[in-house]
PDB file of N, CA and C in Angstrom:
ATOM      1  N   MET A   1      19.680 114.021   5.417  1.00  0.00           N
ATOM      2  CA  MET A   1      19.011 114.239   6.935  1.00  0.00           C
ATOM      3  C   MET A   1      17.451 113.256   6.414  1.00  0.00           C
ATOM      4  N   LYS A   2      17.352 112.276   7.608  1.00  0.00           N
ATOM      5  CA  LYS A   2      15.975 111.814   7.788  1.00  0.00           C
ATOM      6  C   LYS A   2      14.613 112.694   8.307  1.00  0.00           C
ATOM      7  N   THR A   3      13.728 112.244   7.221  1.00  0.00           N
ATOM      8  CA  THR A   3      12.536 112.839   7.653  1.00  0.00           C
ATOM      9  C   THR A   3      11.185 111.975   8.367  1.00  0.00           C
ATOM     10  N   PHE A   4      10.896 112.511   9.491  1.00  0.00           N
ATOM     11  CA  PHE A   4       9.978 111.398  10.112  1.00  0.00           C
ATOM     12  C   PHE A   4       8.618 112.245  10.108  1.00  0.00           C
ATOM     13  N   LEU A   5       7.305 111.259   9.941  1.00  0.00           N
ATOM     14  CA  LEU A   5       5.948 112.122  10.084  1.00  0.00           C
ATOM     15  C   LEU A   5       5.980 111.518  11.229  1.00  0.00           C
ATOM     16  N   VAL A   6       4.814 112.025  12.140  1.00  0.00           N
ATOM     17  CA  VAL A   6       4.852 112.160  13.689  1.00  0.00           C
ATOM     18  C   VAL A   6       3.612 111.639  14.083  1.00  0.00           C
ATOM     19  N   ASN A   7       3.066 110.665  14.485  1.00  0.00           N
ATOM     20  CA  ASN A   7       1.755 109.821  14.273  1.00  0.00           C
ATOM     21  C   ASN A   7       1.314 109.593  15.329  1.00  0.00           C
ATOM     22  N   CYS A   8       2.079 109.841  16.773  1.00  0.00           N
ATOM     23  CA  CYS A   8       1.497 109.469  18.143  1.00  0.00           C
ATOM     24  C   CYS A   8       2.411 109.883  19.282  1.00  0.00           C
ATOM     25  N   THR A   9       2.186 110.281  20.387  1.00  0.00           N
ATOM     26  CA  THR A   9       3.006 110.896  21.524  1.00  0.00           C
ATOM     27  C   THR A   9       2.413 109.954  22.542  1.00  0.00           C
ATOM     28  N   GLN A  10       3.536 109.641  23.702  1.00  0.00           N
ATOM     29  CA  GLN A  10       3.652 109.105  24.745  1.00  0.00           C
ATOM     30  C   GLN A  10       3.518 110.440  26.078  1.00  0.00           C
ATOM     31  N   LYS A  11       2.884 110.528  26.802  1.00  0.00           N
ATOM     32  CA  LYS A  11       2.780 111.422  27.597  1.00  0.00           C
ATOM     33  C   LYS A  11       3.228 110.990  29.100  1.00  0.00           C
ATOM     34  N   HIS A  12       3.755 111.890  30.119  1.00  0.00           N
ATOM     35  CA  HIS A  12       3.992 111.101  31.043  1.00  0.00           C
ATOM     36  C   HIS A  12       2.673 111.320  31.944  1.00  0.00           C
ATOM     37  N   VAL A  13       2.610 110.350  32.802  1.00  0.00           N
ATOM     38  CA  VAL A  13       0.962 110.179  33.152  1.00  0.00           C
ATOM     39  C   VAL A  13       0.270 111.219  34.454  1.00  0.00           C
ATOM     40  N   GLN A  14       1.663 111.495  35.318  1.00  0.00           N
ATOM     41  CA  GLN A  14       1.487 112.471  36.281  1.00  0.00           C
ATOM     42  C   GLN A  14       1.491 114.289  35.481  1.00  0.00           C
ATOM     43  N   HIS A  15       2.372 114.353  34.672  1.00  0.00           N
ATOM     44  CA  HIS A  15       2.910 115.491  34.392  1.00  0.00           C
ATOM     45  C   HIS A  15       2.040 116.172  33.193  1.00  0.00           C
ATOM     46  N   GLY A  16       1.766 115.232  32.048  1.00  0.00           N
ATOM     47  CA  GLY A  16       1.011 115.570  31.071  1.00  0.00           C
ATOM     48  C   GLY A  16       2.015 116.138  29.922  1.00  0.00           C
ATOM     49  N   ARG A  17       3.555 115.498  30.210  1.00  0.00           N
ATOM     50  CA  ARG A  17       4.541 116.171  29.348  1.00  0.00           C
ATOM     51  C   ARG A  17       4.885 115.201  28.321  1.00  0.00           C
ATOM     52  N   ILE A  18       5.004 115.954  26.981  1.00  0.00           N
ATOM     53  CA  ILE A  18       5.901 114.308  25.723  1.00  0.00           C
ATOM     54  C   ILE A  18       6.995 113.665  26.910  1.00  0.00           C
ATOM     55  N   GLU A  19       7.020 112.284  26.452  1.00  0.00           N
ATOM     56  CA  GLU A  19       7.990 111.512  26.686  1.00  0.00           C
ATOM     57  C   GLU A  19       8.917 110.850  25.520  1.00  0.00           C
ATOM     58  N   SER A  20       7.928 110.643  24.781  1.00  0.00           N
ATOM     59  CA  SER A  20       8.223 109.956  23.775  1.00  0.00           C
ATOM     60  C   SER A  20       7.129 110.392  22.700  1.00  0.00           C
ATOM     61  N   ILE A  21       7.777 110.061  21.225  1.00  0.00           N
ATOM     62  CA  ILE A  21       6.947 110.420  20.053  1.00  0.00           C
ATOM     63  C   ILE A  21       7.369 109.055  19.041  1.00  0.00           C
ATOM     64  N   GLY A  22       5.746 108.756  18.499  1.00  0.00           N
ATOM     65  CA  GLY A  22       6.179 107.600  17.582  1.00  0.00           C
ATOM     66  C   GLY A  22       6.135 108.169  16.044  1.00  0.00           C
ATOM     67  N   CYS A  23       7.042 107.989  15.345  1.00  0.00           N
ATOM     68  CA  CYS A  23       7.196 107.844  13.572  1.00  0.00           C
ATOM     69  C   CYS A  23       7.051 107.206  12.924  1.00  0.00           C
ATOM     70  N   ILE A  24       6.905 108.068  11.796  1.00  0.00           N
ATOM     71  CA  ILE A  24       7.127 106.988  10.703  1.00  0.00           C
ATOM     72  C   ILE A  24       8.395 107.342  10.049  1.00  0.00           C
ATOM     73  N   ASP A  25       9.855 106.643   9.226  1.00  0.00           N
ATOM     74  CA  ASP A  25      10.407 107.202   8.432  1.00  0.00           C
ATOM     75  C   ASP A  25       9.914 107.065   7.368  1.00  0.00           C
ATOM     76  N   ILE A  26      10.035 108.636   6.701  1.00  0.00           N
ATOM     77  CA  ILE A  26       9.235 109.029   5.126  1.00  0.00           C
ATOM     78  C   ILE A  26      10.020 107.887   4.155  1.00  0.00           C
ATOM     79  N   THR A  27      11.319 107.460   4.191  1.00  0.00           N
ATOM     80  CA  THR A  27      11.636 106.970   3.144  1.00  0.00           C
ATOM     81  C   THR A  27      11.558 105.682   3.413  1.00  0.00           C
ATOM     82  N   THR A  28      11.818 104.738   4.048  1.00  0.00           N
ATOM     83  CA  THR A  28      11.907 103.427   4.403  1.00  0.00           C
ATOM     84  C   THR A  28      10.136 102.674   4.964  1.00  0.00           C
ATOM     85  N   ASN A  29       9.795 103.831   5.415  1.00  0.00           N
ATOM     86  CA  ASN A  29       8.043 103.478   5.889  1.00  0.00           C
ATOM     87  C   ASN A  29       8.289 103.062   6.884  1.00  0.00           C
ATOM     88  N   THR A  30       9.330 102.969   8.113  1.00  0.00           N
ATOM     89  CA  THR A  30       9.509 101.992   9.148  1.00  0.00           C
ATOM     90  C   THR A  30       9.131 102.936  10.474  1.00  0.00           C
ATOM     91  N   GLU A  31       8.401 101.800  10.986  1.00  0.00           N
ATOM     92  CA  GLU A  31       7.976 102.208  12.223  1.00  0.00           C
ATOM     93  C   GLU A  31       9.284 102.845  13.644  1.00  0.00           C
ATOM     94  N   VAL A  32       9.346 104.206  14.396  1.00  0.00           N
ATOM     95  CA  VAL A  32      10.185 104.485  15.021  1.00  0.00           C
ATOM     96  C   VAL A  32       9.956 105.251  16.252  1.00  0.00           C
ATOM     97  N   ARG A  33      10.325 104.671  17.607  1.00  0.00           N
ATOM     98  CA  ARG A  33       9.360 105.700  18.682  1.00  0.00           C
ATOM     99  C   ARG A  33      10.766 105.934  18.979  1.00  0.00           C
ATOM    100  N   LEU A  34      10.753 107.399  19.547  1.00  0.00           N
ATOM    101  CA  LEU A  34      11.914 108.196  19.655  1.00  0.00           C
ATOM    102  C   LEU A  34      11.952 108.560  21.684  1.00  0.00           C
ATOM    103  N   THR A  35      12.610 108.594  22.254  1.00  0.00           N
ATOM    104  CA  THR A  35      12.036 109.408  23.531  1.00  0.00           C
ATOM    105  C   THR A  35      12.658 110.829  23.078  1.00  0.00           C
ATOM    106  N   GLU A  36      11.562 112.078  24.202  1.00  0.00           N
ATOM    107  CA  GLU A  36      11.879 113.079  23.567  1.00  0.00           C
ATOM    108  C   GLU A  36      13.587 114.153  23.453  1.00  0.00           C
ATOM    109  N   ALA A  37      13.928 113.146  24.434  1.00  0.00           N
ATOM    110  CA  ALA A  37      15.474 113.647  24.337  1.00  0.00           C
ATOM    111  C   ALA A  37      15.994 113.571  23.325  1.00  0.00           C
ATOM    112  N   ASP A  38      15.629 111.910  22.772  1.00  0.00           N
ATOM    113  CA  ASP A  38      16.255 111.656  21.483  1.00  0.00           C
ATOM    114  C   ASP A  38      15.764 112.434  20.801  1.00  0.00           C
ATOM    115  N   ALA A  39      14.677 112.984  20.311  1.00  0.00           N
ATOM    116  CA  ALA A  39      13.906 113.961  19.352  1.00  0.00           C
ATOM    117  C   ALA A  39      14.678 115.226  18.986  1.00  0.00           C
ATOM    118  N   ILE A  40      14.845 115.758  20.324  1.00  0.00           N
ATOM    119  CA  ILE A  40      15.854 117.210  20.547  1.00  0.00           C
ATOM    120  C   ILE A  40      17.257 116.751  20.083  1.00  0.00           C
ATOM    121  N   HIS A  41      17.920 115.549  20.414  1.00  0.00           N
ATOM    122  CA  HIS A  41      19.007 115.716  20.061  1.00  0.00           C
ATOM    123  C   HIS A  41      19.313 115.615  18.226  1.00  0.00           C
ATOM    124  N   GLN A  42      18.230 115.053  17.742  1.00  0.00           N
ATOM    125  CA  GLN A  42      18.509 114.900  16.531  1.00  0.00           C
ATOM    126  C   GLN A  42      18.208 115.978  15.685  1.00  0.00           C
ATOM    127  N   ILE A  43      17.238 116.880  16.050  1.00  0.00           N
ATOM    128  CA  ILE A  43      16.959 118.118  15.649  1.00  0.00           C
ATOM    129  C   ILE A  43      17.937 118.954  15.580  1.00  0.00           C
ATOM    130  N   GLU A  44      18.533 119.333  17.007  1.00  0.00           N
ATOM    131  CA  GLU A  44      19.759 120.195  17.320  1.00  0.00           C
ATOM    132  C   GLU A  44      21.196 119.643  16.277  1.00  0.00           C
ATOM    133  N   ALA A  45      21.342 118.428  15.892  1.00  0.00           N
ATOM    134  CA  ALA A  45      22.154 118.162  15.234  1.00  0.00           C
ATOM    135  C   ALA A  45      21.733 118.143  13.947  1.00  0.00           C
ATOM    136  N   LYS A  46      21.001 118.450  13.514  1.00  0.00           N
ATOM    137  CA  LYS A  46      20.467 118.419  12.093  1.00  0.00           C
ATOM    138  C   LYS A  46      20.864 116.927  11.456  1.00  0.00           C
ATOM    139  N   LEU A  47      20.332 116.023  12.334  1.00  0.00           N
ATOM    140  CA  LEU A  47      20.181 114.710  11.530  1.00  0.00           C
ATOM    141  C   LEU A  47      18.440 114.572  10.970  1.00  0.00           C
ATOM    142  N   ALA A  48      18.148 114.736  11.561  1.00  0.00           N
ATOM    143  CA  ALA A  48      16.258 114.936  11.165  1.00  0.00           C
ATOM    144  C   ALA A  48      15.628 115.798  11.320  1.00  0.00           C
ATOM    145  N   SER A  49      14.628 115.500  10.780  1.00  0.00           N
ATOM    146  CA  SER A  49      13.673 116.690  10.729  1.00  0.00           C
ATOM    147  C   SER A  49      12.317 115.832  11.185  1.00  0.00           C
ATOM    148  N   PHE A  50      11.253 116.366  11.934  1.00  0.00           N
ATOM    149  CA  PHE A  50       9.831 115.574  12.423  1.00  0.00           C
ATOM    150  C   PHE A  50       8.662 116.634  11.566  1.00  0.00           C
ATOM    151  N   ILE A  51       7.717 116.190  10.990  1.00  0.00           N
ATOM    152  CA  ILE A  51       6.529 116.831  10.804  1.00  0.00           C
ATOM    153  C   ILE A  51       5.510 116.529  11.396  1.00  0.00           C
ATOM    154  N   VAL A  52       4.717 117.007  11.644  1.00  0.00           N
ATOM    155  CA  VAL A  52       3.523 116.313  12.467  1.00  0.00           C
ATOM    156  C   VAL A  52       2.228 116.877  11.158  1.00  0.00           C
ATOM    157  N   ARG A  53       1.271 115.750  10.512  1.00  0.00           N
ATOM    158  CA  ARG A  53       0.357 116.413   9.969  1.00  0.00           C
ATOM    159  C   ARG A  53      -1.048 116.161  10.602  1.00  0.00           C
ATOM    160  N   ASP A  54      -1.878 116.908  10.463  1.00  0.00           N
ATOM    161  CA  ASP A  54      -3.517 116.903  10.796  1.00  0.00           C
ATOM    162  C   ASP A  54      -4.300 116.286  10.001  1.00  0.00           C
ATOM    163  N   ALA A  55      -5.923 116.060  10.065  1.00  0.00           N
ATOM    164  CA  ALA A  55      -6.575 115.156   9.684  1.00  0.00           C
ATOM    165  C   ALA A  55      -7.062 115.489   8.206  1.00  0.00           C
ATOM    166  N   LYS A  56      -6.754 117.074   8.369  1.00  0.00           N
ATOM    167  CA  LYS A  56      -6.861 118.000   7.258  1.00  0.00           C
ATOM    168  C   LYS A  56      -5.901 117.906   6.385  1.00  0.00           C
ATOM    169  N   GLY A  57      -4.264 117.334   6.734  1.00  0.00           N
ATOM    170  CA  GLY A  57      -3.687 117.220   5.721  1.00  0.00           C
ATOM    171  C   GLY A  57      -2.399 118.513   5.770  1.00  0.00           C
ATOM    172  N   HIS A  58      -3.142 119.469   6.913  1.00  0.00           N
ATOM    173  CA  HIS A  58      -1.865 120.356   7.062  1.00  0.00           C
ATOM    174  C   HIS A  58      -0.695 120.025   7.817  1.00  0.00           C
ATOM    175  N   GLU A  59       0.728 120.466   7.547  1.00  0.00           N
ATOM    176  CA  GLU A  59       2.074 120.024   7.634  1.00  0.00           C
ATOM    177  C   GLU A  59       2.413 121.142   9.011  1.00  0.00           C
ATOM    178  N   ALA A  60       2.986 120.661  10.306  1.00  0.00           N
ATOM    179  CA  ALA A  60       4.089 121.945  11.195  1.00  0.00           C
ATOM    180  C   ALA A  60       5.166 120.907  10.854  1.00  0.00           C
ATOM    181  N   VAL A  61       6.235 121.399  11.239  1.00  0.00           N
ATOM    182  CA  VAL A  61       7.574 121.219  11.282  1.00  0.00           C
ATOM    183  C   VAL A  61       7.823 121.243  13.340  1.00  0.00           C
ATOM    184  N   LEU A  62       8.444 120.141  13.626  1.00  0.00           N
ATOM    185  CA  LEU A  62       8.443 120.389  15.089  1.00  0.00           C
ATOM    186  C   LEU A  62      10.224 120.935  15.455  1.00  0.00           C
ATOM    187  N   GLU A  63      10.016 121.635  16.150  1.00  0.00           N
ATOM    188  CA  GLU A  63      11.349 122.732  16.871  1.00  0.00           C
ATOM    189  C   GLU A  63      11.603 122.443  18.395  1.00  0.00           C
ATOM    190  N   VAL A  64      12.393 122.920  18.856  1.00  0.00           N
ATOM    191  CA  VAL A  64      12.964 122.727  20.307  1.00  0.00           C
ATOM    192  C   VAL A  64      13.232 124.247  20.661  1.00  0.00           C
ATOM    193  N   GLU A  65      12.366 123.962  21.831  1.00  0.00           N
ATOM    194  CA  GLU A  65      12.446 125.551  22.279  1.00  0.00           C
ATOM    195  C   GLU A  65      12.675 125.190  23.827  1.00  0.00           C
ATOM    196  N   GLU A  66      13.467 126.717  24.117  1.00  0.00           N
ATOM    197  CA  GLU A  66      13.694 126.425  25.625  1.00  0.00           C
ATOM    198  C   GLU A  66      12.970 127.405  26.583  1.00  0.00           C
ATOM    199  N   ARG A  67      12.771 126.829  27.803  1.00  0.00           N
ATOM    200  CA  ARG A  67      11.882 127.714  29.125  1.00  0.00           C
ATOM    201  C   ARG A  67      12.625 127.327  30.411  1.00  0.00           C
ATOM    202  N   ASP A  68      12.972 128.049  30.788  1.00  0.00           N
ATOM    203  CA  ASP A  68      13.029 128.059  32.776  1.00  0.00           C
ATOM    204  C   ASP A  68      14.368 126.315  32.749  1.00  0.00           C
ATOM    205  N   GLY A  69      15.472 126.836  31.809  1.00  0.00           N
ATOM    206  CA  GLY A  69      16.257 125.660  31.487  1.00  0.00           C
ATOM    207  C   GLY A  69      15.704 124.230  30.728  1.00  0.00           C
ATOM    208  N   ARG A  70      14.933 123.947  30.449  1.00  0.00           N
ATOM    209  CA  ARG A  70      13.902 122.814  30.316  1.00  0.00           C
ATOM    210  C   ARG A  70      13.655 123.107  28.312  1.00  0.00           C
ATOM    211  N   LYS A  71      14.816 121.867  27.760  1.00  0.00           N
ATOM    212  CA  LYS A  71      14.364 121.726  26.070  1.00  0.00           C
ATOM    213  C   LYS A  71      12.714 121.362  26.143  1.00  0.00           C
ATOM    214  N   PHE A  72      12.635 121.262  24.920  1.00  0.00           N
ATOM    215  CA  PHE A  72      11.302 120.445  24.587  1.00  0.00           C
ATOM    216  C   PHE A  72      10.911 120.828  23.071  1.00  0.00           C
ATOM    217  N   LEU A  73       9.676 119.954  22.811  1.00  0.00           N
ATOM    218  CA  LEU A  73       9.499 120.068  21.653  1.00  0.00           C
ATOM    219  C   LEU A  73       8.056 120.862  21.439  1.00  0.00           C
ATOM    220  N   ILE A  74       8.338 121.512  20.315  1.00  0.00           N
ATOM    221  CA  ILE A  74       6.823 122.238  19.531  1.00  0.00           C
ATOM    222  C   ILE A  74       6.922 122.357  18.342  1.00  0.00           C
ATOM    223  N   THR A  75       5.554 122.659  17.699  1.00  0.00           N
ATOM    224  CA  THR A  75       5.208 122.707  16.299  1.00  0.00           C
ATOM    225  C   THR A  75       5.413 124.125  15.840  1.00  0.00           C
ATOM    226  N   LYS A  76       6.052 124.407  14.851  1.00  0.00           N
ATOM    227  CA  LYS A  76       6.638 125.762  14.309  1.00  0.00           C
ATOM    228  C   LYS A  76       5.043 126.298  14.026  1.00  0.00           C
ATOM    229  N   ARG A  77       4.887 127.760  14.030  1.00  0.00           N
ATOM    230  CA  ARG A  77       3.806 128.362  14.411  1.00  0.00           C
ATOM    231  C   ARG A  77       3.359 128.894  13.062  1.00  0.00           C
ATOM    232  N   ASP A  78       2.110 128.848  12.630  1.00  0.00           N
ATOM    233  CA  ASP A  78       1.382 128.634  11.640  1.00  0.00           C
ATOM    234  C   ASP A  78       0.053 129.350  11.592  1.00  0.00           C
ATOM    235  N   HIS A  79      -0.919 129.559  10.509  1.00  0.00           N
ATOM    236  CA  HIS A  79      -2.059 130.205  11.235  1.00  0.00           C
ATOM    237  C   HIS A  79      -3.022 128.631  11.153  1.00  0.00           C
ATOM    238  N   PHE A  80      -2.459 127.457  10.747  1.00  0.00           N
ATOM    239  CA  PHE A  80      -3.506 126.274  11.413  1.00  0.00           C
ATOM    240  C   PHE A  80      -3.106 125.658  12.754  1.00  0.00           C
ATOM    241  N   VAL A  81      -4.557 125.999  13.785  1.00  0.00           N
ATOM    242  CA  VAL A  81      -4.540 125.840  15.205  1.00  0.00           C
ATOM    243  C   VAL A  81      -4.133 124.180  15.775  1.00  0.00           C
ATOM    244  N   THR A  82      -5.018 123.260  14.313  1.00  0.00           N
ATOM    245  CA  THR A  82      -5.083 122.042  14.823  1.00  0.00           C
ATOM    246  C   THR A  82      -3.517 121.085  14.487  1.00  0.00           C
ATOM    247  N   ASP A  83      -2.624 121.683  13.924  1.00  0.00           N
ATOM    248  CA  ASP A  83      -1.154 121.252  13.707  1.00  0.00           C
ATOM    249  C   ASP A  83      -0.386 121.389  15.203  1.00  0.00           C
ATOM    250  N   ASN A  84      -0.186 120.013  16.085  1.00  0.00           N
ATOM    251  CA  ASN A  84       0.066 120.706  17.160  1.00  0.00           C
ATOM    252  C   ASN A  84       0.431 119.122  17.771  1.00  0.00           C
ATOM    253  N   LEU A  85       1.306 119.027  18.631  1.00  0.00           N
ATOM    254  CA  LEU A  85       1.343 117.345  18.948  1.00  0.00           C
ATOM    255  C   LEU A  85       0.328 117.204  20.048  1.00  0.00           C
ATOM    256  N   GLY A  86      -0.310 118.002  20.252  1.00  0.00           N
ATOM    257  CA  GLY A  86      -1.679 117.813  21.296  1.00  0.00           C
ATOM    258  C   GLY A  86      -2.470 117.177  20.712  1.00  0.00           C
ATOM    259  N   ALA A  87      -2.824 117.233  19.665  1.00  0.00           N
ATOM    260  CA  ALA A  87      -3.824 117.163  18.762  1.00  0.00           C
ATOM    261  C   ALA A  87      -3.566 115.148  18.131  1.00  0.00           C
ATOM    262  N   LEU A  88      -2.382 115.113  18.560  1.00  0.00           N
ATOM    263  CA  LEU A  88      -1.809 113.811  18.061  1.00  0.00           C
ATOM    264  C   LEU A  88      -2.397 112.687  19.003  1.00  0.00           C
ATOM    265  N   PRO A  89      -3.201 111.192  18.868  1.00  0.00           N
ATOM    266  CA  PRO A  89      -3.352 110.078  19.623  1.00  0.00           C
ATOM    267  C   PRO A  89      -2.234 109.766  20.631  1.00  0.00           C
ATOM    268  N   GLU A  90      -2.705 109.292  21.518  1.00  0.00           N
ATOM    269  CA  GLU A  90      -1.779 108.438  22.318  1.00  0.00           C
ATOM    270  C   GLU A  90      -1.175 107.012  21.723  1.00  0.00           C
ATOM    271  N   CYS A  91       0.137 107.071  21.553  1.00  0.00           N
ATOM    272  CA  CYS A  91       0.303 106.050  20.859  1.00  0.00           C
ATOM    273  C   CYS A  91       0.518 104.682  21.964  1.00  0.00           C
ATOM    274  N   ALA A  92      -0.014 103.671  20.876  1.00  0.00           N
ATOM    275  CA  ALA A  92      -0.399 102.280  21.154  1.00  0.00           C
ATOM    276  C   ALA A  92       0.761 101.540  22.104  1.00  0.00           C
ATOM    277  N   SER A  93       0.675 101.158  23.471  1.00  0.00           N
ATOM    278  CA  SER A  93       2.194 100.516  24.117  1.00  0.00           C
ATOM    279  C   SER A  93       1.812  99.047  23.292  1.00  0.00           C
ATOM    280  N   LYS A  94       3.345  99.012  22.632  1.00  0.00           N
ATOM    281  CA  LYS A  94       3.804  97.402  22.133  1.00  0.00           C
ATOM    282  C   LYS A  94       4.929  96.662  23.099  1.00  0.00           C
ATOM    283  N   PRO A  95       4.666  95.650  23.441  1.00  0.00           N
ATOM    284  CA  PRO A  95       6.033  95.578  23.732  1.00  0.00           C
ATOM    285  C   PRO A  95       7.314  95.406  23.066  1.00  0.00           C
ATOM    286  N   ILE A  96       8.225  95.740  23.689  1.00  0.00           N
ATOM    287  CA  ILE A  96       9.942  95.744  22.937  1.00  0.00           C
ATOM    288  C   ILE A  96      10.437  94.787  22.927  1.00  0.00           C
ATOM    289  N   VAL A  97      10.488  94.063  21.322  1.00  0.00           N
ATOM    290  CA  VAL A  97      11.238  93.028  21.244  1.00  0.00           C
ATOM    291  C   VAL A  97      12.394  92.916  21.427  1.00  0.00           C
ATOM    292  N   VAL A  98      13.244  92.320  22.101  1.00  0.00           N
ATOM    293  CA  VAL A  98      14.776  92.515  22.161  1.00  0.00           C
ATOM    294  C   VAL A  98      15.358  91.153  21.628  1.00  0.00           C
ATOM    295  N   PRO A  99      16.133  91.014  20.579  1.00  0.00           N
ATOM    296  CA  PRO A  99      16.371  89.491  20.706  1.00  0.00           C
ATOM    297  C   PRO A  99      17.345  89.432  20.884  1.00  0.00           C
ATOM    298  N   PRO A 100      17.572  87.928  21.452  1.00  0.00           N
ATOM    299  CA  PRO A 100      18.707  87.177  22.685  1.00  0.00           C
ATOM    300  C   PRO A 100      20.332  87.995  22.270  1.00  0.00           C
ATOM    301  N   PRO A 101      20.724  88.181  22.867  1.00  0.00           N
ATOM    302  CA  PRO A 101      22.433  88.088  22.575  1.00  0.00           C
ATOM    303  C   PRO A 101      22.709  86.700  22.311  1.00  0.00           C
ATOM    304  N   TYR A 102      24.216  87.153  21.120  1.00  0.00           N
ATOM    305  CA  TYR A 102      24.708  86.511  20.309  1.00  0.00           C
ATOM    306  C   TYR A 102      25.666  85.586  21.312  1.00  0.00           C
ATOM    307  N   ARG A 103      25.621  84.591  21.584  1.00  0.00           N
ATOM    308  CA  ARG A 103      26.552  83.366  22.417  1.00  0.00           C
ATOM    309  C   ARG A 103      26.771  82.396  21.426  1.00  0.00           C
ATOM    310  N   PRO A 104      28.143  82.479  21.071  1.00  0.00           N
ATOM    311  CA  PRO A 104      28.828  81.305  20.147  1.00  0.00           C
ATOM    312  C   PRO A 104      28.769  79.914  20.862  1.00  0.00           C
ATOM    313  N   VAL A 105      28.224  79.046  20.222  1.00  0.00           N
ATOM    314  CA  VAL A 105      28.381  77.656  20.411  1.00  0.00           C
ATOM    315  C   VAL A 105      28.779  76.621  20.186  1.00  0.00           C
ATOM    316  N   ALA A 106      30.151  76.007  21.072  1.00  0.00           N
ATOM    317  CA  ALA A 106      31.224  74.847  19.935  1.00  0.00           C
ATOM    318  C   ALA A 106      30.134  73.681  20.054  1.00  0.00           C
ATOM    319  N   PRO A 107      30.395  72.737  18.916  1.00  0.00           N
ATOM    320  CA  PRO A 107      29.457  71.838  18.295  1.00  0.00           C
ATOM    321  C   PRO A 107      29.903  70.959  19.363  1.00  0.00           C
ATOM    322  N   ALA A 108      29.208  69.949  19.498  1.00  0.00           N
ATOM    323  CA  ALA A 108      29.226  68.590  20.530  1.00  0.00           C
ATOM    324  C   ALA A 108      30.202  67.863  19.462  1.00  0.00           C
ATOM    325  N   ARG A 109      31.132  66.985  20.376  1.00  0.00           N
ATOM    326  CA  ARG A 109      32.079  66.405  19.826  1.00  0.00           C
ATOM    327  C   ARG A 109      31.393  65.174  18.627  1.00  0.00           C
ATOM    328  N   SER A 110      30.446  64.558  18.843  1.00  0.00           N
ATOM    329  CA  SER A 110      29.392  63.770  18.274  1.00  0.00           C
ATOM    330  C   SER A 110      29.124  64.334  17.079  1.00  0.00           C
ATOM    331  N   HIS A 111      29.119  65.484  16.653  1.00  0.00           N
ATOM    332  CA  HIS A 111      28.904  66.466  15.684  1.00  0.00           C
ATOM    333  C   HIS A 111      29.938  66.494  14.771  1.00  0.00           C
ATOM    334  N   GLY A 112      31.440  66.344  15.207  1.00  0.00           N
ATOM    335  CA  GLY A 112      32.521  66.889  14.740  1.00  0.00           C
ATOM    336  C   GLY A 112      32.549  66.602  12.899  1.00  0.00           C
ATOM    337  N   VAL A 113      33.189  67.135  12.003  1.00  0.00           N
ATOM    338  CA  VAL A 113      32.844  66.885  10.586  1.00  0.00           C
ATOM    339  C   VAL A 113      34.059  66.056  10.451  1.00  0.00           C
ATOM    340  N   HIS A 114      35.432  66.224  11.141  1.00  0.00           N
ATOM    341  CA  HIS A 114      36.596  65.432  10.516  1.00  0.00           C
ATOM    342  C   HIS A 114      36.903  64.488  12.096  1.00  0.00           C
ATOM    343  N   GLY A 115      36.223  63.997  12.558  1.00  0.00           N
ATOM    344  CA  GLY A 115      36.598  63.169  13.672  1.00  0.00           C
ATOM    345  C   GLY A 115      36.941  61.705  13.355  1.00  0.00           C
ATOM    346  N   ASN A 116      37.855  61.585  14.235  1.00  0.00           N
ATOM    347  CA  ASN A 116      38.108  59.734  14.269  1.00  0.00           C
ATOM    348  C   ASN A 116      37.154  59.124  14.458  1.00  0.00           C
ATOM    349  N   TRP A 117      36.692  58.221  13.706  1.00  0.00           N
ATOM    350  CA  TRP A 117      35.820  57.169  14.394  1.00  0.00           C
ATOM    351  C   TRP A 117      36.646  56.149  14.357  1.00  0.00           C
ATOM    352  N   GLU A 118      36.313  55.692  15.752  1.00  0.00           N
ATOM    353  CA  GLU A 118      37.051  54.235  16.064  1.00  0.00           C
ATOM    354  C   GLU A 118      35.705  52.952  15.539  1.00  0.00           C
ATOM    355  N   LEU A 119      35.853  52.006  15.431  1.00  0.00           N
ATOM    356  CA  LEU A 119      34.918  50.664  15.831  1.00  0.00           C
ATOM    357  C   LEU A 119      34.991  50.032  16.891  1.00  0.00           C
ATOM    358  N   LEU A 120      34.430  49.874  17.573  1.00  0.00           N
ATOM    359  CA  LEU A 120      34.298  49.332  18.757  1.00  0.00           C
ATOM    360  C   LEU A 120      34.590  47.534  18.758  1.00  0.00           C
TER     361      LEU A 120
END
């Protein structure tokens, strides 16, 4: 099971609820951005765990809670008030880099390796 350190959140502009979380994979140290639905799925399927660390080093585990038929992320309750998603900074918006699709290209006839070259 992977473990992610949550370091920022992206909230819905109008409603203020979490839309996505920014994380760092602890084993590979790579940055990942997940939607709330993706994070919920990974927690429920036991594919990953997520922790939140405050400035003092206190850690809390993310859990899934359901109210009124809607699932959302919360931090596991403990005696530290600051261990929550609301205390995390807003994720900086980064441009999403999508590699171009692979398109095989046939070499031009003039670049053939085994071509028949005739002298004019």
